[in-house]
Protein backbone atom coordinates (compact mmCIF):
# COMPACT_ATOMS: atom_id res chain seq x y z
CA UNK A 1 -56.42 -22.71 -132.48
CA UNK A 2 -56.67 -19.57 -133.67
CA UNK A 3 -53.12 -17.93 -132.94
CA UNK A 4 -51.27 -14.71 -132.91
CA UNK A 5 -47.70 -14.95 -131.76
CA UNK A 6 -44.91 -12.76 -132.16
CA UNK A 7 -41.80 -14.47 -132.46
CA UNK A 8 -41.17 -15.52 -128.42
CA UNK A 9 -37.73 -13.68 -128.20
CA UNK A 10 -36.46 -10.95 -129.55
CA UNK A 11 -32.25 -10.30 -130.11
CA UNK A 12 -31.86 -7.21 -128.09
CA UNK A 13 -28.94 -4.70 -129.70
CA UNK A 14 -26.44 -3.56 -127.73
CA UNK A 15 -25.77 -0.17 -126.40
CA UNK A 16 -23.38 2.20 -125.22
CA UNK A 17 -22.67 1.20 -121.06
CA UNK A 18 -25.67 -0.86 -120.65
CA UNK A 19 -27.12 -2.36 -117.57
CA UNK A 20 -25.10 -4.90 -115.97
CA UNK A 21 -28.14 -7.60 -116.13
CA UNK A 22 -31.63 -7.62 -118.06
CA UNK A 23 -34.41 -8.69 -115.63
CA UNK A 24 -36.66 -11.02 -117.90
CA UNK A 25 -40.70 -9.03 -118.75
CA UNK A 26 -42.94 -11.14 -120.58
CA UNK A 27 -45.79 -8.96 -122.21
CA UNK A 28 -48.72 -9.80 -123.94
CA UNK A 29 -50.58 -7.32 -126.00
CA UNK A 30 -52.80 -6.74 -129.39
CA UNK A 31 -51.90 -6.94 -132.85
CA UNK A 32 -51.94 -3.57 -133.71
CA UNK A 33 -50.36 -0.82 -135.39
CA UNK A 34 -50.09 0.20 -131.55
CA UNK A 35 -47.62 -2.33 -130.82
CA UNK A 36 -45.08 0.46 -132.91
CA UNK A 37 -43.34 1.53 -129.44
CA UNK A 38 -42.64 -2.02 -128.21
CA UNK A 39 -40.62 -3.37 -131.72
CA UNK A 40 -38.99 0.63 -130.91
CA UNK A 41 -38.34 -0.35 -127.91
CA UNK A 42 -36.56 -3.89 -128.51
CA UNK A 43 -35.20 -2.63 -132.25
CA UNK A 44 -33.32 0.63 -130.36
CA UNK A 45 -32.33 -1.18 -127.56
CA UNK A 46 -34.22 1.29 -125.45
CA UNK A 47 -35.77 -1.37 -122.96
CA UNK A 48 -31.84 -3.42 -122.69
CA UNK A 49 -31.05 0.30 -121.63
CA UNK A 50 -33.02 -0.11 -119.08
CA UNK A 51 -31.60 -3.85 -117.93
CA UNK A 52 -34.84 -5.09 -119.00
CA UNK A 53 -35.28 -8.44 -121.77
CA UNK A 54 -38.62 -7.62 -123.41
CA UNK A 55 -40.64 -11.25 -124.23
CA UNK A 56 -43.54 -10.70 -126.44
CA UNK A 57 -46.36 -11.82 -127.81
CA UNK A 58 -49.23 -11.10 -129.54
CA UNK A 59 -52.99 -12.00 -128.18
CA UNK A 60 -55.99 -13.89 -130.06
CA UNK A 61 -58.86 -11.65 -127.96
CA UNK A 62 -58.98 -10.54 -124.57
CA UNK A 63 -60.49 -13.50 -122.48
CA UNK A 64 -57.32 -15.59 -123.42
CA UNK A 65 -55.47 -12.26 -122.31
CA UNK A 66 -56.64 -12.03 -119.00
CA UNK A 67 -57.13 -15.79 -118.27
CA UNK A 68 -53.18 -15.31 -119.17
CA UNK A 69 -51.82 -12.87 -117.20
CA UNK A 70 -54.43 -14.50 -114.35
CA UNK A 71 -52.20 -17.71 -114.57
CA UNK A 72 -48.68 -15.81 -114.70
CA UNK A 73 -47.91 -16.47 -118.71
CA UNK A 74 -46.14 -13.03 -118.59
CA UNK A 75 -46.52 -10.32 -116.18
CA UNK A 76 -47.25 -7.40 -118.15
CA UNK A 77 -50.78 -6.75 -120.32
CA UNK A 78 -51.09 -3.52 -122.52
CA UNK A 79 -54.46 -3.39 -123.22
CA UNK A 80 -57.60 -1.80 -122.63
CA UNK A 81 -57.91 -1.00 -118.99
CA UNK A 82 -61.34 -1.70 -118.63
CA UNK A 83 -60.03 -5.28 -119.12
CA UNK A 84 -58.14 -5.04 -115.91
CA UNK A 85 -61.49 -3.86 -114.39
CA UNK A 86 -63.43 -6.53 -115.30
CA UNK A 87 -60.13 -9.28 -114.19
CA UNK A 88 -61.21 -7.29 -110.92
CA UNK A 89 -64.60 -7.20 -110.21
CA UNK A 90 -66.04 -10.11 -112.22
CA UNK A 91 -63.31 -12.44 -111.93
CA UNK A 92 -61.75 -11.74 -108.51
CA UNK A 93 -57.85 -11.66 -109.74
CA UNK A 94 -56.26 -8.68 -107.73
CA UNK A 95 -54.79 -7.13 -110.56
CA UNK A 96 -53.67 -3.56 -111.08
CA UNK A 97 -53.09 -0.36 -113.71
CA UNK A 98 -49.87 1.17 -113.46
CA UNK A 99 -49.60 3.33 -116.28
CA UNK A 100 -51.75 4.47 -118.95
CA UNK A 101 -51.06 4.55 -122.70
CA UNK A 102 -53.69 5.63 -125.70
CA UNK A 103 -57.17 6.78 -126.84
CA UNK A 104 -57.84 3.63 -128.83
CA UNK A 105 -58.33 5.20 -132.09
CA UNK A 106 -61.50 3.67 -132.20
CA UNK A 107 -63.95 3.89 -134.90
CA UNK A 108 -67.66 2.75 -135.67
CA UNK A 109 -66.83 0.34 -138.56
CA UNK A 110 -70.12 -0.49 -140.50
CA UNK A 111 -70.97 -2.75 -143.81
CA UNK A 112 -71.00 -1.49 -147.12
CA UNK A 113 -74.77 -1.85 -147.23
CA UNK A 114 -75.58 0.16 -143.70
CA UNK A 115 -76.01 4.21 -144.02
CA UNK A 116 -77.18 4.36 -140.37
CA UNK A 117 -77.48 3.31 -137.31
CA UNK A 118 -80.67 2.08 -137.34
CA UNK A 119 -80.22 -0.10 -140.58
CA UNK A 120 -78.02 -2.68 -137.95
CA UNK A 121 -81.41 -3.51 -136.63
CA UNK A 122 -81.51 -7.30 -136.96
CA UNK A 123 -77.83 -8.20 -137.67
CA UNK A 124 -75.05 -8.79 -136.02
CA UNK A 125 -71.99 -6.25 -133.96
CA UNK A 126 -68.69 -8.09 -134.36
CA UNK A 127 -66.88 -7.89 -130.84
CA UNK A 128 -63.78 -9.44 -128.86
CA UNK A 129 -65.76 -10.07 -125.52
CA UNK A 130 -68.91 -8.91 -125.34
CA UNK A 131 -68.81 -7.61 -122.15
CA UNK A 132 -65.57 -5.10 -121.51
CA UNK A 133 -64.02 -2.48 -123.24
CA UNK A 134 -64.71 -1.64 -126.82
CA UNK A 135 -67.76 -3.66 -126.88
CA UNK A 136 -69.53 -1.65 -123.72
CA UNK A 137 -68.91 1.28 -126.27
CA UNK A 138 -70.23 -0.25 -129.15
CA UNK A 139 -73.18 -1.27 -127.44
CA UNK A 140 -73.65 2.76 -125.29
CA UNK A 141 -73.43 3.91 -128.97
CA UNK A 142 -76.48 1.75 -130.49
CA UNK A 143 -78.45 2.15 -126.97
CA UNK A 144 -78.19 6.15 -127.91
CA UNK A 145 -79.56 5.59 -131.55
CA UNK A 146 -81.90 3.54 -130.41
CA UNK A 147 -80.94 -0.31 -130.53
CA UNK A 148 -80.75 -2.68 -127.43
CA UNK A 149 -78.02 -5.45 -127.27
CA UNK A 150 -79.90 -8.97 -127.46
CA UNK A 151 -83.25 -7.56 -128.90
CA UNK A 152 -82.78 -5.08 -132.10
CA UNK A 153 -79.31 -6.66 -132.44
CA UNK A 154 -76.53 -9.89 -131.46
CA UNK A 155 -73.45 -10.36 -131.12
CA UNK A 156 -70.47 -11.87 -132.38
CA UNK A 157 -67.79 -12.10 -130.11
CA UNK A 158 -65.08 -13.35 -132.74
CA UNK A 159 -61.63 -12.27 -130.86
CA UNK A 160 -59.00 -9.57 -131.97
CA UNK A 161 -58.63 -7.00 -134.34
CA UNK A 162 -57.48 -9.75 -137.56
CA UNK A 163 -60.20 -11.71 -136.51
CA UNK A 164 -63.31 -8.99 -136.47
CA UNK A 165 -61.37 -7.80 -140.08
CA UNK A 166 -62.32 -10.98 -141.12
CA UNK A 167 -65.62 -11.31 -139.90
CA UNK A 168 -66.42 -7.52 -141.45
CA UNK A 169 -65.30 -7.94 -144.60
CA UNK A 170 -67.11 -11.13 -145.22
CA UNK A 171 -69.96 -9.90 -144.90
CA UNK A 172 -73.42 -11.60 -144.28
CA UNK A 173 -75.20 -10.58 -140.91
CA UNK A 174 -71.70 -9.09 -139.85
CA UNK A 175 -72.71 -5.06 -139.88
CA UNK A 176 -70.83 -3.63 -137.03
CA UNK A 177 -67.91 -3.78 -135.10
CA UNK A 178 -65.53 -0.96 -133.10
CA UNK A 179 -62.20 -1.36 -134.80
CA UNK A 180 -58.38 0.03 -134.20
CA UNK A 181 -55.36 0.84 -136.67
CA UNK A 182 -54.20 -0.16 -138.70
CA UNK A 183 -58.08 -2.40 -139.18
CA UNK A 184 -60.12 0.71 -139.20
CA UNK A 185 -58.03 1.46 -142.05
CA UNK A 186 -58.39 -1.43 -144.05
CA UNK A 187 -61.89 -1.61 -143.83
CA UNK A 188 -62.39 1.89 -145.69
CA UNK A 189 -59.80 0.92 -148.38
CA UNK A 190 -61.42 -2.35 -148.72
CA UNK A 191 -65.10 -0.30 -149.17
CA UNK A 192 -66.76 -0.59 -145.96
CA UNK A 193 -67.46 3.03 -144.04
CA UNK A 194 -67.12 4.67 -140.14
CA UNK A 195 -69.83 6.24 -138.60
CA UNK A 196 -67.43 7.92 -136.38
CA UNK A 197 -65.18 8.14 -134.05
CA UNK A 198 -66.06 6.70 -130.60
CA UNK A 199 -64.17 9.59 -128.84
CA UNK A 200 -66.05 12.00 -130.68
CA UNK A 201 -69.69 9.54 -129.94
CA UNK A 202 -68.61 8.97 -126.00
CA UNK A 203 -66.24 11.95 -125.24
CA UNK A 204 -62.74 10.96 -123.87
CA UNK A 205 -61.95 7.36 -123.29
CA UNK A 206 -58.74 5.51 -121.68
CA UNK A 207 -58.41 2.96 -123.89
CA UNK A 208 -54.92 1.27 -124.02
CA UNK A 209 -52.46 0.82 -120.59
CA UNK A 210 -50.63 -1.71 -118.67
CA UNK A 211 -51.64 -3.62 -116.12
CA UNK A 212 -50.28 -6.17 -113.56
CA UNK A 213 -50.68 -8.72 -111.16
CA UNK A 214 -50.73 -6.33 -108.40
CA UNK A 215 -48.26 -9.26 -105.96
CA UNK A 216 -46.18 -9.09 -108.84
CA UNK A 217 -45.62 -5.31 -109.13
CA UNK A 218 -44.87 -5.31 -104.64
CA UNK A 219 -42.98 -8.33 -105.32
CA UNK A 220 -40.62 -6.43 -108.39
CA UNK A 221 -40.99 -2.79 -107.93
CA UNK A 222 -38.05 -2.15 -109.72
CA UNK A 223 -37.91 -4.35 -112.52
CA UNK A 224 -41.49 -2.61 -113.15
CA UNK A 225 -40.27 1.10 -112.84
CA UNK A 226 -37.55 0.25 -115.25
CA UNK A 227 -39.60 -1.23 -117.75
CA UNK A 228 -41.95 1.18 -118.19
CA UNK A 229 -38.80 3.87 -117.96
CA UNK A 230 -37.93 1.65 -121.35
CA UNK A 231 -41.73 2.01 -122.64
CA UNK A 232 -41.74 5.71 -122.10
CA UNK A 233 -39.08 6.51 -123.81
CA UNK A 234 -39.89 3.92 -126.08
CA UNK A 235 -43.35 6.13 -127.04
CA UNK A 236 -41.56 9.29 -126.55
CA UNK A 237 -39.24 8.34 -129.96
CA UNK A 238 -42.82 7.47 -131.79
CA UNK A 239 -44.20 10.56 -131.48
CA UNK A 240 -41.41 12.35 -132.28
CA UNK A 241 -41.96 13.60 -135.83
CA UNK A 242 -38.35 13.65 -137.33
CA UNK A 243 -38.74 9.86 -136.89
CA UNK A 244 -41.97 9.22 -139.00
CA UNK A 245 -40.33 8.06 -141.56
CA UNK A 246 -38.92 5.45 -139.85
CA UNK A 247 -41.25 4.68 -137.89
CA UNK A 248 -43.36 3.91 -140.97
CA UNK A 249 -41.11 1.62 -142.05
CA UNK A 250 -41.35 0.00 -139.64
CA UNK A 251 -44.74 -0.84 -139.31
CA UNK A 252 -44.69 -1.82 -142.69
CA UNK A 253 -42.32 -4.23 -141.91
CA UNK A 254 -43.11 -5.46 -138.67
CA UNK A 255 -46.47 -5.36 -139.07
CA UNK A 256 -46.36 -6.35 -142.72
CA UNK A 257 -48.33 -2.90 -143.95
CA UNK A 258 -48.68 -1.19 -147.42
CA UNK A 259 -47.13 2.30 -146.90
CA UNK A 260 -50.41 3.61 -146.95
CA UNK A 261 -51.67 1.62 -144.40
CA UNK A 262 -48.59 2.78 -142.54
CA UNK A 263 -48.42 5.72 -142.51
CA UNK A 264 -52.27 6.66 -141.92
CA UNK A 265 -52.06 4.51 -138.91
CA UNK A 266 -48.54 6.99 -137.73
CA UNK A 267 -50.43 9.71 -138.81
CA UNK A 268 -53.95 9.06 -136.47
CA UNK A 269 -51.52 7.59 -134.02
CA UNK A 270 -49.88 9.94 -132.58
CA UNK A 271 -53.17 12.50 -132.96
CA UNK A 272 -53.52 13.96 -129.44
CA UNK A 273 -56.64 12.42 -127.76
CA UNK A 274 -57.26 10.54 -130.21
CA UNK A 275 -53.73 7.92 -130.14
CA UNK A 276 -50.97 7.78 -127.73
CA UNK A 277 -51.22 9.69 -124.89
CA UNK A 278 -47.45 11.97 -124.40
CA UNK A 279 -45.81 9.77 -121.51
CA UNK A 280 -48.22 7.06 -122.22
CA UNK A 281 -50.33 9.25 -119.08
CA UNK A 282 -53.10 8.16 -117.63
CA UNK A 283 -56.41 10.44 -119.50
CA UNK A 284 -58.19 11.17 -115.94
CA UNK A 285 -61.51 12.62 -117.14
CA UNK A 286 -61.00 9.20 -120.25
CA UNK A 287 -61.12 6.91 -117.40
CA UNK A 288 -63.86 8.31 -115.31
CA UNK A 289 -65.63 7.72 -118.73
CA UNK A 290 -64.31 4.05 -118.84
CA UNK A 291 -65.77 3.45 -115.05
CA UNK A 292 -68.88 5.14 -116.13
CA UNK A 293 -69.69 3.30 -118.48
CA UNK A 294 -68.81 -0.26 -117.09
CA UNK A 295 -71.77 0.88 -114.28
CA UNK A 296 -74.02 2.38 -116.74
CA UNK A 297 -74.02 -1.37 -119.68
CA UNK A 298 -72.80 -3.75 -117.25
CA UNK A 299 -74.79 -2.45 -113.87
CA UNK A 300 -73.12 -2.43 -110.15
CA UNK A 301 -72.08 0.17 -107.33
CA UNK A 302 -70.50 3.33 -108.58
CA UNK A 303 -66.51 2.41 -108.83
CA UNK A 304 -64.16 3.96 -107.14
CA UNK A 305 -60.82 5.08 -109.31
CA UNK A 306 -58.30 3.95 -106.75
CA UNK A 307 -59.34 0.99 -106.62
CA UNK A 308 -57.38 0.02 -109.30
CA UNK A 309 -54.88 2.47 -109.42
CA UNK A 310 -51.89 2.06 -108.50
CA UNK A 311 -49.42 4.79 -110.59
CA UNK A 312 -46.71 4.93 -108.16
CA UNK A 313 -44.58 2.81 -109.91
CA UNK A 314 -44.93 5.38 -113.44
CA UNK A 315 -44.01 8.55 -111.28
CA UNK A 316 -40.86 6.64 -110.51
CA UNK A 317 -39.68 5.75 -114.10
CA UNK A 318 -40.08 9.14 -114.82
CA UNK A 319 -37.84 10.14 -112.39
CA UNK A 320 -36.15 7.72 -113.83
CA UNK A 321 -35.98 9.02 -117.07
CA UNK A 322 -35.26 12.83 -116.06
CA UNK A 323 -32.03 11.66 -113.59
């Protein structure tokens, strides 16, 4: 079975005046360069300062991630927020989005022999899950260029970024994929091409964010607020350019990247509108575009943003940091 697990338990460094007790939070996320704030938060003792013992693992696919959250395998997911919409609308699991995160750093990557969208006809689009998040972005881009799913190309759903990278490098009928960092940079270094950034083709997009089971949030509001405070503080450290060299070194160490890949990943991740949202704020226009895209590609009535969001925990986390 394919697996991409980070060490389940991480020793947290002691910090001055730590909280009297630490609450365990189990986190699941994707093995991308955007996991940097979690490494920072653990290495720097930031989560511990907020009374959080963080355990996290990397998922092999968004489908496995959604199932794990629904089954209580972990408390918090950082992923494309469209996965939360799929859980609510398709699986009928009551989850809630509690923060924004980033714009995705997504690019439309194509094989060496592809020069235009038209060249994808008759070949395969490589995706994670076939009906959520970045797969929907790819379908919309291809539809705009006259290509329809199931008619002009097929879906090859292989899972998370490392598996999409492997499929694209293997070639064959694998013609295109939405890729983010560091995988997009790895494909380009290998001679593949980018036909452009998805945000340039489709407009602002609220990609990554945090979501949880609504019942867990209601039962553990203080824990959730302290977790979010820890994440926001860790992200502030990442976005501080004074920490650039140390951040790049962490990416090299924790994600086993070359210096060139780590440097490119860091510099693009801190780019406004493309990478991290300052303080992990939710981009309202980007989230509206997520809702419109799901409705357009997957069908159904016009969604109400309030149905999926509860940013009260996030607001209280910011107040904690302002004290």
